[in-house]
Amino acid sequence: MNALLTMQGLRHSYDGRPVLGVESLEVLEGEILAIVGPNGSGKSTLLRIVNLLERPTRGEIEFWNGSRLSGMSRGERKELARQMAMIFQEPLLFRRTVRENVAYGLKVRRVPRDERRVQVGEMLARLNLVDLAERDALTLSGGEAQKVALGRAMVLKPRLLLLDEPLASLDMPSRREMRTYISRLVREMGVTAIYVSHDYHEVLEIADRLAVIIGGTLLQTGKPGEVFGRPVNGAVAEFLGAENLLEGEVTSCREGAARISVSGLELEALCDLSPGSRVKVLIHPEEVALLSGVGEAGSVRNRLRARVLEVREIGGMVRVRLDCGFPLVAHITRASREEMGVEPGREFTAAVKATALHVMPFTRKG
């Protein structure tokens, strides 16, 4: 997949205060790249820079037509801006009909009336807005209004669609519906999209790749499963909702097999860090098996005596909070809970394979 645009060494500051640092980031043609991070982490600033609304303090962006941000003429900026569309958290609709709102950009670009009517009609049909076409756009619900904003952007057939927290003000049903429309339209029309959100749950169903920005710094990019499964450090793991994030120290390491001390207990894991290294250890709750006896653990290297502190059913899964000498959370099925009689106060063996422990160097950012 070719890169639609490439960012290198981007830095931006406000009044001398650094707010953004991106060493390198590619946006691949035809993908939905989700940029996620806490509020105030620099995500929207990056989006404005890409949309040519702000100039970075330093750094470079190369766009799909070969234009470079640092040496771009006014004419090149205008042409690139015409090939991008942006959707904000608030729809920013006009006091006109839904049809007129969707047609606005085409009218500004002097698209002939007959052609405009056909394109707007097709977009209204795609978004299931035909019955609302003559409604005053300012009387719509939040979800309906955001669909109109999406139609107004996509009817322009942009090369790059930029979305800045587009679902933040919507209720859950409207969010689900909008995610479906965004994903479908972007893929059917062959558009590339950058989607900014502080809520990583919001983008998991539609993003091809994640880029995690925390404290203004791009820390990790990759496919959602890779980023969730193997976060680069504790800060990324914490932002992504890691439940079992433990602090420890490598006590020995030989040929990639390490022993790590966590709260006075030793765990076996795969890593190449030298003895004495401070680390963060991530154990996904679904990797923790609860067994009735130590012998049942078989070849599993990490076997911990565990007392059940709390049991909560969440959807089709049961969340079990354990005391193993350090806090640990396990996710088990309802059937397993009933079969084993998992209740507060009971003791089990918590078994975790060495390969299930993800070890990260301890850093100031996590």
Protein backbone atom coordinates (compact mmCIF):
# COMPACT_ATOMS: atom_id res chain seq x y z
CA MET A 1 0.00 0.00 0.00
CA ASN A 2 1.46 3.38 -1.03
CA ALA A 3 1.80 6.32 1.36
CA LEU A 4 -0.68 9.12 0.65
CA LEU A 5 1.31 11.49 2.82
CA THR A 6 4.44 11.26 4.95
CA MET A 7 5.32 13.29 8.04
CA GLN A 8 8.89 13.71 9.23
CA GLY A 9 10.24 15.52 12.30
CA LEU A 10 7.07 17.49 13.02
CA ARG A 11 7.31 19.83 16.01
CA HIS A 12 4.82 22.43 17.13
CA SER A 13 4.76 24.84 20.05
CA TYR A 14 2.42 27.47 21.42
CA ASP A 15 4.16 30.42 23.12
CA GLY A 16 7.30 28.32 23.41
CA ARG A 17 5.46 25.38 25.00
CA PRO A 18 5.92 22.12 23.01
CA VAL A 19 2.56 20.52 22.17
CA LEU A 20 3.41 18.06 19.41
CA GLY A 21 6.30 15.83 18.38
CA VAL A 22 6.01 13.31 15.54
CA GLU A 23 9.28 11.78 14.36
CA SER A 24 7.77 9.81 11.49
CA LEU A 25 4.26 8.87 10.40
CA GLU A 26 2.83 7.64 7.12
CA VAL A 27 -0.82 7.70 6.10
CA LEU A 28 -1.39 4.85 3.66
CA GLU A 29 -3.63 5.21 0.65
CA GLY A 30 -7.14 3.84 1.23
CA GLU A 31 -6.76 3.26 4.97
CA ILE A 32 -8.52 4.63 8.02
CA LEU A 33 -5.76 5.74 10.38
CA ALA A 34 -7.07 6.42 13.88
CA ILE A 35 -5.03 8.84 15.97
CA VAL A 36 -5.91 8.23 19.60
CA GLY A 37 -4.77 9.70 22.88
CA PRO A 38 -5.99 11.56 25.97
CA ASN A 39 -7.57 14.99 25.70
CA GLY A 40 -4.96 17.68 25.16
CA SER A 41 -2.36 15.29 23.75
CA GLY A 42 -1.89 17.12 20.42
CA LYS A 43 -4.14 15.04 18.15
CA SER A 44 -6.26 17.92 16.87
CA THR A 45 -3.17 20.07 16.40
CA LEU A 46 -1.74 17.40 14.11
CA LEU A 47 -5.00 17.29 12.16
CA ARG A 48 -4.98 21.08 11.66
CA ILE A 49 -1.40 20.95 10.42
CA VAL A 50 -2.28 18.25 7.88
CA ASN A 51 -5.30 20.31 6.81
CA LEU A 52 -3.00 23.30 6.20
CA LEU A 53 -4.78 25.36 8.88
CA GLU A 54 -1.59 25.72 10.94
CA ARG A 55 2.10 25.70 10.14
CA PRO A 56 4.28 23.53 12.38
CA THR A 57 7.19 25.06 14.23
CA ARG A 58 9.38 22.75 12.16
CA GLY A 59 9.22 19.50 10.24
CA GLU A 60 7.99 18.29 6.89
CA ILE A 61 4.94 16.74 5.27
CA GLU A 62 5.05 15.34 1.76
CA PHE A 63 1.62 15.06 0.12
CA TRP A 64 0.34 12.69 -2.56
CA ASN A 65 1.11 15.10 -5.41
CA GLY A 66 4.74 15.52 -4.35
CA SER A 67 4.16 18.92 -2.72
CA ARG A 68 6.14 19.55 0.44
CA LEU A 69 4.81 21.64 3.29
CA SER A 70 8.04 23.61 3.67
CA GLY A 71 8.15 24.88 0.10
CA MET A 72 4.49 25.01 -0.85
CA SER A 73 3.18 27.85 -2.97
CA ARG A 74 -0.18 29.52 -2.36
CA GLY A 75 -1.56 27.80 -5.44
CA GLU A 76 -0.41 24.37 -4.23
CA ARG A 77 -1.97 24.97 -0.81
CA LYS A 78 -5.27 25.93 -2.43
CA GLU A 79 -5.27 22.85 -4.67
CA LEU A 80 -4.44 20.49 -1.79
CA ALA A 81 -7.09 22.08 0.42
CA ARG A 82 -9.69 21.37 -2.29
CA GLN A 83 -8.79 17.69 -2.11
CA MET A 84 -9.35 17.47 1.65
CA ALA A 85 -12.53 17.59 3.72
CA MET A 86 -12.90 17.86 7.48
CA ILE A 87 -15.66 16.84 9.90
CA PHE A 88 -15.72 18.31 13.39
CA GLN A 89 -17.32 17.28 16.68
CA GLU A 90 -20.14 19.75 16.03
CA PRO A 91 -21.81 19.49 12.58
CA LEU A 92 -21.73 23.28 11.90
CA LEU A 93 -24.76 23.19 9.62
CA PHE A 94 -26.44 26.18 8.00
CA ARG A 95 -30.05 27.28 8.51
CA ARG A 96 -31.01 25.70 5.23
CA THR A 97 -32.48 22.41 4.14
CA VAL A 98 -30.59 19.14 4.41
CA ARG A 99 -30.32 19.07 0.62
CA GLU A 100 -28.84 22.58 0.49
CA ASN A 101 -26.35 21.77 3.23
CA VAL A 102 -25.08 18.68 1.41
CA ALA A 103 -24.89 20.67 -1.85
CA TYR A 104 -23.04 23.63 -0.33
CA GLY A 105 -19.46 22.64 -1.22
CA LEU A 106 -20.44 21.66 -4.76
CA LYS A 107 -22.14 25.01 -5.22
CA VAL A 108 -19.06 26.89 -3.98
CA ARG A 109 -17.01 24.95 -6.51
CA ARG A 110 -19.44 25.97 -9.25
CA VAL A 111 -20.49 22.43 -10.15
CA PRO A 112 -23.33 22.72 -12.74
CA ARG A 113 -26.82 22.57 -11.21
CA ASP A 114 -27.92 19.35 -12.94
CA GLU A 115 -24.74 17.54 -11.99
CA ARG A 116 -25.00 18.90 -8.46
CA ARG A 117 -28.56 17.62 -8.13
CA VAL A 118 -27.54 14.11 -9.19
CA GLN A 119 -24.54 13.94 -6.85
CA VAL A 120 -26.48 15.27 -3.88
CA GLY A 121 -29.36 12.87 -4.54
CA GLU A 122 -26.98 9.92 -4.61
CA MET A 123 -25.33 10.99 -1.34
CA LEU A 124 -28.68 11.50 0.41
CA ALA A 125 -29.70 7.99 -0.67
CA ARG A 126 -26.42 6.50 0.60
CA LEU A 127 -26.94 8.11 4.00
CA ASN A 128 -30.64 7.28 4.22
CA LEU A 129 -31.49 10.99 4.31
CA VAL A 130 -33.91 11.21 1.37
CA ASP A 131 -36.97 11.59 3.62
CA LEU A 132 -35.25 14.46 5.46
CA ALA A 133 -33.98 16.26 2.35
CA GLU A 134 -36.31 19.28 2.69
CA ARG A 135 -36.08 19.57 6.49
CA ASP A 136 -34.38 22.54 8.10
CA ALA A 137 -30.99 21.10 9.06
CA LEU A 138 -31.05 22.90 12.41
CA THR A 139 -34.09 20.88 13.51
CA LEU A 140 -32.33 17.51 13.18
CA SER A 141 -31.18 15.23 16.00
CA GLY A 142 -27.47 15.02 16.74
CA GLY A 143 -26.99 11.81 14.77
CA GLU A 144 -28.96 13.06 11.79
CA ALA A 145 -27.03 16.34 11.76
CA GLN A 146 -23.70 14.54 11.81
CA LYS A 147 -24.81 12.37 8.88
CA VAL A 148 -25.54 15.57 6.95
CA ALA A 149 -22.04 16.84 7.81
CA LEU A 150 -20.60 13.55 6.56
CA GLY A 151 -22.60 13.82 3.34
CA ARG A 152 -21.48 17.42 2.79
CA ALA A 153 -17.86 16.30 3.08
CA MET A 154 -18.06 13.07 1.10
CA VAL A 155 -20.09 14.49 -1.83
CA LEU A 156 -16.90 16.43 -2.68
CA LYS A 157 -15.10 13.09 -3.21
CA PRO A 158 -12.06 14.16 -1.18
CA ARG A 159 -8.70 12.48 -1.50
CA LEU A 160 -8.29 12.76 2.27
CA LEU A 161 -11.05 12.92 4.90
CA LEU A 162 -10.16 14.34 8.32
CA LEU A 163 -12.41 13.59 11.30
CA ASP A 164 -11.90 15.43 14.58
CA GLU A 165 -13.83 13.66 17.40
CA PRO A 166 -16.91 13.33 15.13
CA LEU A 167 -18.90 11.14 17.54
CA ALA A 168 -18.04 12.75 20.86
CA SER A 169 -21.40 14.49 21.32
CA LEU A 170 -23.62 11.61 20.15
CA ASP A 171 -25.47 8.96 22.13
CA MET A 172 -24.45 5.32 21.82
CA PRO A 173 -26.97 4.23 19.14
CA SER A 174 -26.07 7.25 16.99
CA ARG A 175 -22.37 6.50 17.43
CA ARG A 176 -22.80 2.95 16.20
CA GLU A 177 -24.79 4.12 13.19
CA MET A 178 -22.25 6.83 12.31
CA ARG A 179 -19.32 4.43 12.58
CA THR A 180 -21.06 2.18 10.07
CA TYR A 181 -21.69 5.01 7.63
CA ILE A 182 -18.16 6.41 7.94
CA SER A 183 -16.52 3.03 7.40
CA ARG A 184 -18.77 2.08 4.49
CA LEU A 185 -18.54 5.38 2.61
CA VAL A 186 -14.78 5.71 3.06
CA ARG A 187 -14.14 2.21 1.73
CA GLU A 188 -16.73 2.27 -1.06
CA MET A 189 -15.49 5.62 -2.36
CA GLY A 190 -11.79 4.78 -2.01
CA VAL A 191 -11.11 7.69 0.32
CA THR A 192 -8.24 7.82 2.82
CA ALA A 193 -9.21 8.98 6.33
CA ILE A 194 -7.49 10.23 9.47
CA TYR A 195 -9.79 9.82 12.45
CA VAL A 196 -8.92 11.57 15.74
CA SER A 197 -10.48 10.41 19.01
CA HIS A 198 -9.74 10.35 22.73
CA ASP A 199 -11.85 7.17 23.02
CA TYR A 200 -10.04 4.18 21.55
CA HIS A 201 -13.20 2.05 21.80
CA GLU A 202 -14.79 4.36 19.24
CA VAL A 203 -12.39 3.45 16.43
CA LEU A 204 -11.62 -0.22 17.02
CA GLU A 205 -14.30 -1.47 14.62
CA ILE A 206 -13.26 0.72 11.70
CA ALA A 207 -9.55 1.58 12.01
CA ASP A 208 -6.97 -0.19 9.87
CA ARG A 209 -4.16 1.19 12.01
CA LEU A 210 -3.79 3.06 15.30
CA ALA A 211 -1.37 5.86 16.12
CA VAL A 212 -1.13 6.61 19.85
CA ILE A 213 -0.17 10.15 20.90
CA ILE A 214 0.36 10.90 24.59
CA GLY A 215 1.72 14.15 25.97
CA GLY A 216 2.22 15.47 22.46
CA THR A 217 4.50 12.60 21.44
CA LEU A 218 3.69 9.87 18.94
CA LEU A 219 4.57 6.72 20.88
CA GLN A 220 3.32 3.82 18.76
CA THR A 221 1.67 2.92 15.46
CA GLY A 222 0.40 -0.43 14.21
CA LYS A 223 -2.65 -2.54 13.58
CA PRO A 224 -5.13 -2.38 16.47
CA GLY A 225 -4.42 -5.96 17.58
CA GLU A 226 -0.67 -5.33 17.61
CA VAL A 227 -0.92 -2.11 19.61
CA PHE A 228 -3.32 -3.62 22.15
CA GLY A 229 -1.42 -6.87 22.41
CA ARG A 230 2.07 -5.44 22.64
CA PRO A 231 2.03 -1.77 23.71
CA VAL A 232 5.42 -0.11 23.48
CA ASN A 233 5.38 1.11 27.09
CA GLY A 234 3.28 1.47 30.20
CA ALA A 235 1.80 4.82 29.15
CA VAL A 236 0.29 3.28 26.02
CA ALA A 237 -0.88 0.23 27.98
CA GLU A 238 -2.57 2.41 30.61
CA PHE A 239 -4.30 4.58 28.01
CA LEU A 240 -5.60 1.46 26.27
CA GLY A 241 -7.16 0.26 29.52
CA ALA A 242 -4.68 -2.42 30.58
CA GLU A 243 -5.94 -4.07 33.78
CA ASN A 244 -2.89 -6.13 34.75
CA LEU A 245 0.05 -3.74 34.47
CA LEU A 246 2.67 -4.72 37.03
CA GLU A 247 5.99 -3.14 38.04
CA GLY A 248 8.96 -5.43 38.45
CA GLU A 249 12.68 -5.99 38.05
CA VAL A 250 14.57 -8.49 35.92
CA THR A 251 16.54 -10.77 38.24
CA SER A 252 18.07 -13.01 35.57
CA CYS A 253 18.00 -13.40 31.81
CA ARG A 254 19.48 -16.09 29.62
CA GLU A 255 18.86 -16.68 25.92
CA GLY A 256 15.70 -14.61 25.94
CA ALA A 257 14.18 -16.29 28.99
CA ALA A 258 13.94 -14.02 32.02
CA ARG A 259 12.88 -14.16 35.63
CA ILE A 260 11.14 -11.04 36.89
CA SER A 261 10.47 -10.13 40.51
CA VAL A 262 7.02 -8.64 41.08
CA SER A 263 6.08 -7.81 44.69
CA GLY A 264 8.55 -10.40 45.92
CA LEU A 265 7.26 -13.17 43.63
CA GLU A 266 9.11 -14.38 40.56
CA LEU A 267 7.52 -14.69 37.15
CA GLU A 268 9.01 -16.22 34.03
CA ALA A 269 8.76 -14.32 30.77
CA LEU A 270 10.42 -13.90 27.39
CA CYS A 271 12.57 -10.79 27.08
CA ASP A 272 16.16 -9.71 26.44
CA LEU A 273 16.59 -7.08 29.15
CA SER A 274 19.58 -7.31 31.44
CA PRO A 275 19.34 -8.18 35.15
CA GLY A 276 18.52 -5.14 37.26
CA SER A 277 16.30 -3.57 34.59
CA ARG A 278 13.09 -2.03 35.89
CA VAL A 279 10.14 -3.14 33.80
CA LYS A 280 6.40 -3.02 33.35
CA VAL A 281 4.73 -6.38 32.82
CA LEU A 282 1.40 -6.60 30.99
CA ILE A 283 -0.80 -9.68 31.40
CA HIS A 284 -4.07 -9.60 29.49
CA PRO A 285 -6.94 -10.89 31.68
CA GLU A 286 -7.99 -13.46 29.08
CA GLU A 287 -4.50 -15.03 29.38
CA VAL A 288 -5.04 -15.83 33.08
CA ALA A 289 -6.41 -19.35 33.61
CA LEU A 290 -8.04 -20.29 36.91
CA LEU A 291 -7.41 -23.87 38.01
CA SER A 292 -8.66 -25.84 40.99
CA GLY A 293 -5.23 -27.32 41.79
CA VAL A 294 -1.56 -26.64 41.09
CA GLY A 295 -1.17 -29.92 39.20
CA GLU A 296 -3.71 -28.90 36.57
CA ALA A 297 -1.41 -26.15 35.29
CA GLY A 298 0.60 -28.72 33.29
CA SER A 299 3.61 -27.11 31.57
CA VAL A 300 2.59 -23.54 32.41
CA ARG A 301 5.58 -21.94 34.12
CA ASN A 302 3.82 -19.25 36.14
CA ARG A 303 1.53 -20.71 38.83
CA LEU A 304 0.30 -18.42 41.55
CA ARG A 305 -1.87 -19.03 44.59
CA ALA A 306 -4.84 -16.77 44.11
CA ARG A 307 -7.65 -15.74 46.43
CA VAL A 308 -10.81 -14.42 44.82
CA LEU A 309 -11.65 -10.89 45.95
CA GLU A 310 -14.51 -9.99 43.63
CA VAL A 311 -16.59 -11.57 40.87
CA ARG A 312 -18.59 -9.47 38.41
CA GLU A 313 -20.51 -10.52 35.33
CA ILE A 314 -19.98 -8.10 32.46
CA GLY A 315 -21.94 -9.07 29.37
CA GLY A 316 -21.04 -12.61 28.41
CA MET A 317 -17.79 -12.53 30.39
CA VAL A 318 -17.00 -12.83 34.10
CA ARG A 319 -14.36 -10.51 35.56
CA VAL A 320 -12.56 -12.04 38.54
CA ARG A 321 -10.36 -9.85 40.74
CA LEU A 322 -7.64 -11.84 42.50
CA ASP A 323 -5.01 -11.42 45.17
CA CYS A 324 -1.87 -13.31 44.11
CA GLY A 325 0.51 -11.35 46.32
CA PHE A 326 -0.19 -8.59 43.83
CA PRO A 327 -3.53 -7.65 42.21
CA LEU A 328 -4.50 -9.67 39.14
CA VAL A 329 -7.66 -9.75 37.00
CA ALA A 330 -8.85 -12.80 35.09
CA HIS A 331 -11.62 -13.05 32.49
CA ILE A 332 -13.46 -16.37 32.44
CA THR A 333 -16.70 -17.67 30.96
CA ARG A 334 -19.93 -17.99 32.89
CA ALA A 335 -19.78 -21.74 32.39
CA SER A 336 -16.31 -21.86 34.00
CA ARG A 337 -17.52 -19.83 36.96
CA GLU A 338 -20.45 -22.16 37.59
CA GLU A 339 -18.43 -25.33 37.05
CA MET A 340 -15.60 -24.26 39.37
CA GLY A 341 -17.71 -22.35 41.90
CA VAL A 342 -15.71 -19.16 41.57
CA GLU A 343 -16.86 -16.93 44.43
CA PRO A 344 -15.19 -14.36 46.71
CA GLY A 345 -13.03 -15.95 49.38
CA ARG A 346 -12.23 -19.14 47.45
CA GLU A 347 -8.68 -20.01 46.47
CA PHE A 348 -7.44 -21.23 43.09
CA THR A 349 -4.28 -21.42 41.05
CA ALA A 350 -3.78 -18.61 38.55
CA ALA A 351 -1.77 -19.98 35.64
CA VAL A 352 -0.11 -17.74 33.03
CA LYS A 353 2.18 -18.90 30.24
CA ALA A 354 5.58 -17.21 30.01
CA THR A 355 4.75 -16.24 26.41
CA ALA A 356 1.64 -14.37 27.64
CA LEU A 357 3.69 -11.87 29.65
CA HIS A 358 4.51 -8.73 27.67
CA VAL A 359 7.57 -7.07 29.20
CA MET A 360 8.31 -3.36 28.60
CA PRO A 361 11.22 -1.23 29.82
CA PHE A 362 10.21 1.12 32.60
CA THR A 363 10.39 4.71 31.33
CA ARG A 364 9.42 8.13 32.65
CA LYS A 365 6.41 8.04 30.29
CA GLY A 366 5.39 4.59 31.45
